[in-house]
Each structure stands twice: as C-alpha cells, then as structure tokens.
Amino acid sequence: MEIIQLVTGVMAVFTYIIYCPLKKEAIVIDPGGDEDRIVQLVDDMALRLIYIVNTHGHTDHTCGNLRVKELTGAKILMHEKDDMLFNSPMGQRRAMEMGFTPSPPADIRLKDMDIIRFGTAKLMVLHTPGHSPGSICLYGDGHLFTGDTLFVGAAGRTDLPGASLDQLIQSIKDKILTLPDDTIIMPGHDYGDQPTSTIAREKATNPYITDFILY
C-alpha cells in the first residue's frame, strides 16, 4: 500500500491517494478540492481510482466528490449515519450556502468493521462518532487515517450539529488507543507541528488524551 498526502481546497484538507502498486487500483480519501489535480496524479501514475472514501460528511471533506466521481466513475463511500445527515436536502442546502459543491449520495454506505479492498490492499472501517455521528477512521498496514476525529496534538470540533465531546473521547479511547503504539496517524488537517504522528506520540502530548483519558 502506497500513500500520497496532499493539501487540498480552501480549508486545507489533507487528501490521501492510496494505491496498490501491484494491481494499480487506488482510492482517494476526502477530496477537499483541487479535483483536477487529484485525478491528474492518479492518471500520471496509471492508476484506476475505484473508490472515493469520506471520513465524515462535512462539506470541506466532501466538496470534491462530485467532480472526482464524474471524471473517474469511482464510487462514493461514507458511513451510513453521515450519508443520511449530510446528503439530506437540508445538508445539501447548507453546503451550497457555505459555497461548496454538495456531494452526491453515497454509492456504498459503510458500517463499523467493514473492509475496503483495492488491489491487494485493504483498510478496515472504525466507526468513531464524536466530531460527527458517522465519523470513521480507516486502519491498515500500520496506518490510521483519522479524518477530523484526531489531529496531531488536537481533536475535532464538537460544537457542530450531531457532535459530542463525550462520544469523541470515548471513540479515541476505544477505537484508537487500543491500536499498536507505533501506528502512524494520518490526520484530516495539517493543524499540528508535523503532518503525521504516532499513537505513542499522541498519548504523550495530545491534551485530549493526556487530560481526558490518561489523567
């Protein structure tokens, strides 16, 4: 499994192109803009993009879904709870009011412990509500793509509709801190002092962990 980390869009989202070098199949996680650049990179490497995977339904992470889907035919994957919430008429209207392109509905609705396969690679879906009801992390090959559940040195906002600080802390405790300490954290935004981290480093330095869980 090979990983390309990009900063995309006006909200500086971390977008990931992940691919199997053997079978040349790829997925993109959270296309937050710059869709033509994303697709051009995929084309330049002669990859076939089969899935667009959203770590949650907030529009800064999904605004590129429509264009990438149109250009590649890739299917959109999102947790069922966020697909219901953010792809409702109210959710789509809110995206447009914020100046973003709404995402089409998910082609495949994800659930906890689902496996996403592309080529010989695979990622496991971990449902981590808190930042949103359907937030997920994706775990595989020693990497954890955390979206806005966990950042380097911080965690996602919980003052948004459907968010809950108690749920967020419980998700981090039950779903993230149970993974090996050397797991590499691949966050949804570049908000920390470095673009990636490890669970061990976050246990030692992240106040959402040191103050709420390990105190």
Protein backbone atom coordinates (compact mmCIF):
# COMPACT_ATOMS: atom_id res chain seq x y z
CA MET A 1 0.00 0.00 0.00
CA GLU A 2 1.45 3.34 -1.09
CA ILE A 3 0.24 6.70 0.25
CA ILE A 4 0.30 10.22 -1.19
CA GLN A 5 -0.67 13.04 1.20
CA LEU A 6 -1.97 16.26 -0.40
CA VAL A 7 -3.31 19.54 0.96
CA THR A 8 -6.44 20.47 -1.00
CA GLY A 9 -9.06 23.20 -1.16
CA VAL A 10 -9.72 26.43 0.71
CA MET A 11 -9.94 24.62 4.05
CA ALA A 12 -6.52 22.95 3.67
CA VAL A 13 -7.85 19.41 3.98
CA PHE A 14 -5.41 16.51 3.95
CA THR A 15 -6.47 14.39 0.98
CA TYR A 16 -4.93 10.96 0.55
CA ILE A 17 -4.41 8.93 -2.59
CA ILE A 18 -3.75 5.34 -1.52
CA TYR A 19 -2.97 2.66 -4.04
CA CYS A 20 -1.87 -0.89 -4.60
CA PRO A 21 1.30 -0.77 -6.71
CA LEU A 22 0.77 -4.34 -7.88
CA LYS A 23 -2.79 -4.09 -9.20
CA LYS A 24 -2.72 -0.33 -9.82
CA GLU A 25 -6.06 0.20 -8.05
CA ALA A 26 -6.50 3.30 -5.89
CA ILE A 27 -8.82 5.11 -3.53
CA VAL A 28 -8.95 8.76 -2.57
CA ILE A 29 -9.81 9.81 0.97
CA ASP A 30 -11.56 13.17 1.49
CA PRO A 31 -11.18 15.12 -1.77
CA GLY A 32 -11.46 18.63 -0.34
CA GLY A 33 -10.95 20.49 -3.61
CA ASP A 34 -8.36 20.61 -6.39
CA GLU A 35 -10.16 17.71 -8.02
CA ASP A 36 -8.44 18.02 -11.38
CA ARG A 37 -5.02 17.87 -9.69
CA ILE A 38 -6.06 14.75 -7.76
CA VAL A 39 -7.28 12.99 -10.90
CA GLN A 40 -4.23 14.09 -12.89
CA LEU A 41 -1.95 12.50 -10.28
CA VAL A 42 -3.95 9.30 -10.49
CA ASP A 43 -3.72 9.34 -14.29
CA ASP A 44 0.00 10.15 -14.28
CA MET A 45 0.65 7.00 -12.23
CA ALA A 46 -1.61 4.91 -14.49
CA LEU A 47 -3.89 4.05 -11.56
CA ARG A 48 -7.56 3.14 -11.64
CA LEU A 49 -9.49 5.05 -8.99
CA ILE A 50 -12.28 2.82 -7.73
CA TYR A 51 -13.46 4.49 -4.50
CA ILE A 52 -13.88 7.95 -3.00
CA VAL A 53 -13.95 7.43 0.77
CA ASN A 54 -15.10 10.14 3.19
CA THR A 55 -14.00 10.08 6.81
CA HIS A 56 -17.12 12.13 7.56
CA GLY A 57 -19.73 14.18 5.80
CA HIS A 58 -18.61 17.75 6.45
CA THR A 59 -18.53 19.63 3.21
CA ASP A 60 -14.85 20.65 3.36
CA HIS A 61 -14.04 16.92 3.11
CA THR A 62 -16.69 16.01 0.52
CA CYS A 63 -16.84 19.01 -1.83
CA GLY A 64 -14.66 17.24 -4.40
CA ASN A 65 -16.76 14.09 -4.50
CA LEU A 66 -18.95 15.06 -7.44
CA ARG A 67 -16.15 16.19 -9.76
CA VAL A 68 -13.87 13.24 -8.96
CA LYS A 69 -16.77 10.84 -9.48
CA GLU A 70 -17.62 12.47 -12.82
CA LEU A 71 -14.01 12.27 -14.00
CA THR A 72 -13.27 8.71 -12.87
CA GLY A 73 -16.52 6.84 -12.25
CA ALA A 74 -15.31 5.99 -8.73
CA LYS A 75 -17.95 5.05 -6.16
CA ILE A 76 -18.53 7.23 -3.09
CA LEU A 77 -18.24 5.51 0.30
CA MET A 78 -19.45 7.16 3.51
CA HIS A 79 -20.72 5.94 6.87
CA GLU A 80 -24.46 5.47 6.80
CA LYS A 81 -25.15 8.00 9.58
CA ASP A 82 -23.32 10.85 7.87
CA ASP A 83 -24.75 9.95 4.48
CA MET A 84 -28.25 10.28 5.93
CA LEU A 85 -27.43 13.55 7.73
CA PHE A 86 -25.33 15.47 5.22
CA ASN A 87 -26.94 14.25 2.00
CA SER A 88 -30.40 15.19 3.17
CA PRO A 89 -31.99 18.22 1.45
CA MET A 90 -31.07 20.35 4.48
CA GLY A 91 -27.47 19.09 4.45
CA GLN A 92 -27.07 19.78 0.74
CA ARG A 93 -28.59 23.25 1.12
CA ARG A 94 -26.17 24.06 3.93
CA ALA A 95 -23.21 23.00 1.77
CA MET A 96 -24.33 25.35 -1.00
CA GLU A 97 -24.84 28.20 1.47
CA MET A 98 -21.20 27.74 2.53
CA GLY A 99 -20.10 27.99 -1.09
CA PHE A 100 -19.25 24.29 -1.55
CA THR A 101 -20.45 21.74 -4.07
CA PRO A 102 -22.67 19.20 -2.29
CA SER A 103 -21.69 15.56 -2.51
CA PRO A 104 -23.93 13.11 -4.30
CA PRO A 105 -25.37 10.42 -2.01
CA ALA A 106 -23.04 7.57 -1.15
CA ASP A 107 -22.98 4.63 -3.54
CA ILE A 108 -21.97 2.39 -0.63
CA ARG A 109 -22.87 3.10 2.99
CA LEU A 110 -20.21 1.98 5.43
CA LYS A 111 -20.52 0.40 8.86
CA ASP A 112 -18.09 -0.32 11.68
CA MET A 113 -15.59 -3.09 10.82
CA ASP A 114 -16.32 -3.04 7.09
CA ILE A 115 -13.29 -3.81 4.91
CA ILE A 116 -12.46 -1.62 1.90
CA ARG A 117 -10.38 -3.56 -0.64
CA PHE A 118 -8.40 -2.16 -3.58
CA GLY A 119 -5.96 -4.41 -5.36
CA THR A 120 -4.10 -6.39 -2.71
CA ALA A 121 -4.53 -3.59 -0.14
CA LYS A 122 -7.30 -3.19 2.40
CA LEU A 123 -8.47 -0.77 5.07
CA MET A 124 -10.76 -1.50 8.00
CA VAL A 125 -13.53 0.95 8.88
CA LEU A 126 -13.60 2.04 12.52
CA HIS A 127 -16.73 3.99 13.44
CA THR A 128 -15.56 6.88 15.64
CA PRO A 129 -18.52 9.20 16.33
CA GLY A 130 -17.98 12.49 18.12
CA HIS A 131 -16.95 15.04 15.51
CA SER A 132 -19.99 13.87 13.56
CA PRO A 133 -22.38 10.93 14.03
CA GLY A 134 -20.83 8.98 11.17
CA SER A 135 -17.16 9.86 11.53
CA ILE A 136 -14.84 6.99 10.72
CA CYS A 137 -11.13 6.18 10.84
CA LEU A 138 -9.53 3.82 8.34
CA TYR A 139 -6.91 1.36 9.55
CA GLY A 140 -4.49 -0.73 7.56
CA ASP A 141 -0.81 -1.54 7.02
CA GLY A 142 0.18 0.23 10.24
CA HIS A 143 -1.55 3.49 9.31
CA LEU A 144 -4.69 5.13 10.71
CA PHE A 145 -6.46 7.78 8.63
CA THR A 146 -8.29 9.73 11.31
CA GLY A 147 -10.14 12.47 9.42
CA ASP A 148 -11.24 15.05 11.99
CA THR A 149 -11.51 12.57 14.87
CA LEU A 150 -7.88 13.03 15.90
CA PHE A 151 -5.29 15.57 14.77
CA VAL A 152 -1.62 15.89 15.64
CA GLY A 153 -1.87 17.42 19.10
CA ALA A 154 -5.62 18.06 18.97
CA ALA A 155 -9.01 16.60 18.05
CA GLY A 156 -12.05 17.56 16.03
CA ARG A 157 -14.60 20.20 16.98
CA THR A 158 -17.64 19.12 18.95
CA ASP A 159 -19.71 22.32 18.72
CA LEU A 160 -21.31 21.33 15.41
CA PRO A 161 -24.69 19.65 14.76
CA GLY A 162 -24.56 15.97 15.70
CA ALA A 163 -21.22 16.31 17.51
CA SER A 164 -20.47 15.20 21.07
CA LEU A 165 -17.31 15.64 23.15
CA ASP A 166 -18.20 12.61 25.29
CA GLN A 167 -18.59 10.45 22.19
CA LEU A 168 -15.35 11.79 20.70
CA ILE A 169 -13.34 10.97 23.82
CA GLN A 170 -14.92 7.50 24.01
CA SER A 171 -14.12 6.87 20.32
CA ILE A 172 -10.48 7.85 20.81
CA LYS A 173 -10.24 5.66 23.90
CA ASP A 174 -11.98 2.58 22.49
CA LYS A 175 -11.02 2.64 18.82
CA ILE A 176 -7.68 4.46 18.54
CA LEU A 177 -5.76 3.92 21.76
CA THR A 178 -6.34 0.17 21.52
CA LEU A 179 -4.19 0.04 18.36
CA PRO A 180 -0.40 -0.53 18.48
CA ASP A 181 1.64 2.44 19.73
CA ASP A 182 3.65 2.59 16.51
CA THR A 183 0.52 3.08 14.38
CA ILE A 184 1.07 6.12 12.14
CA ILE A 185 -1.63 8.79 12.48
CA MET A 186 -2.64 10.40 9.18
CA PRO A 187 -4.94 13.30 10.14
CA GLY A 188 -7.56 15.21 8.18
CA HIS A 189 -5.91 18.65 8.51
CA ASP A 190 -2.39 19.97 9.00
CA TYR A 191 -3.08 21.51 12.39
CA GLY A 192 -0.08 20.17 14.31
CA ASP A 193 3.66 20.69 14.42
CA GLN A 194 4.16 17.92 11.84
CA PRO A 195 1.90 16.35 9.19
CA THR A 196 1.75 12.87 10.75
CA SER A 197 2.24 11.35 14.19
CA THR A 198 2.04 8.04 16.05
CA ILE A 199 -0.31 6.81 18.72
CA ALA A 200 2.61 6.73 21.17
CA ARG A 201 3.39 10.39 20.50
CA GLU A 202 -0.25 11.40 20.85
CA LYS A 203 -0.50 9.53 24.16
CA ALA A 204 2.39 11.61 25.44
CA THR A 205 1.46 15.03 24.01
CA ASN A 206 -2.18 15.34 22.92
CA PRO A 207 -4.25 17.07 25.63
CA TYR A 208 -7.44 15.31 24.50
CA ILE A 209 -5.69 12.09 25.52
CA THR A 210 -3.49 13.18 28.42
CA ASP A 211 -6.17 15.32 30.08
CA PHE A 212 -9.38 13.40 29.31
CA ILE A 213 -8.31 9.76 29.09
CA LEU A 214 -4.91 9.11 30.70
CA TYR A 215 -5.13 11.58 33.61
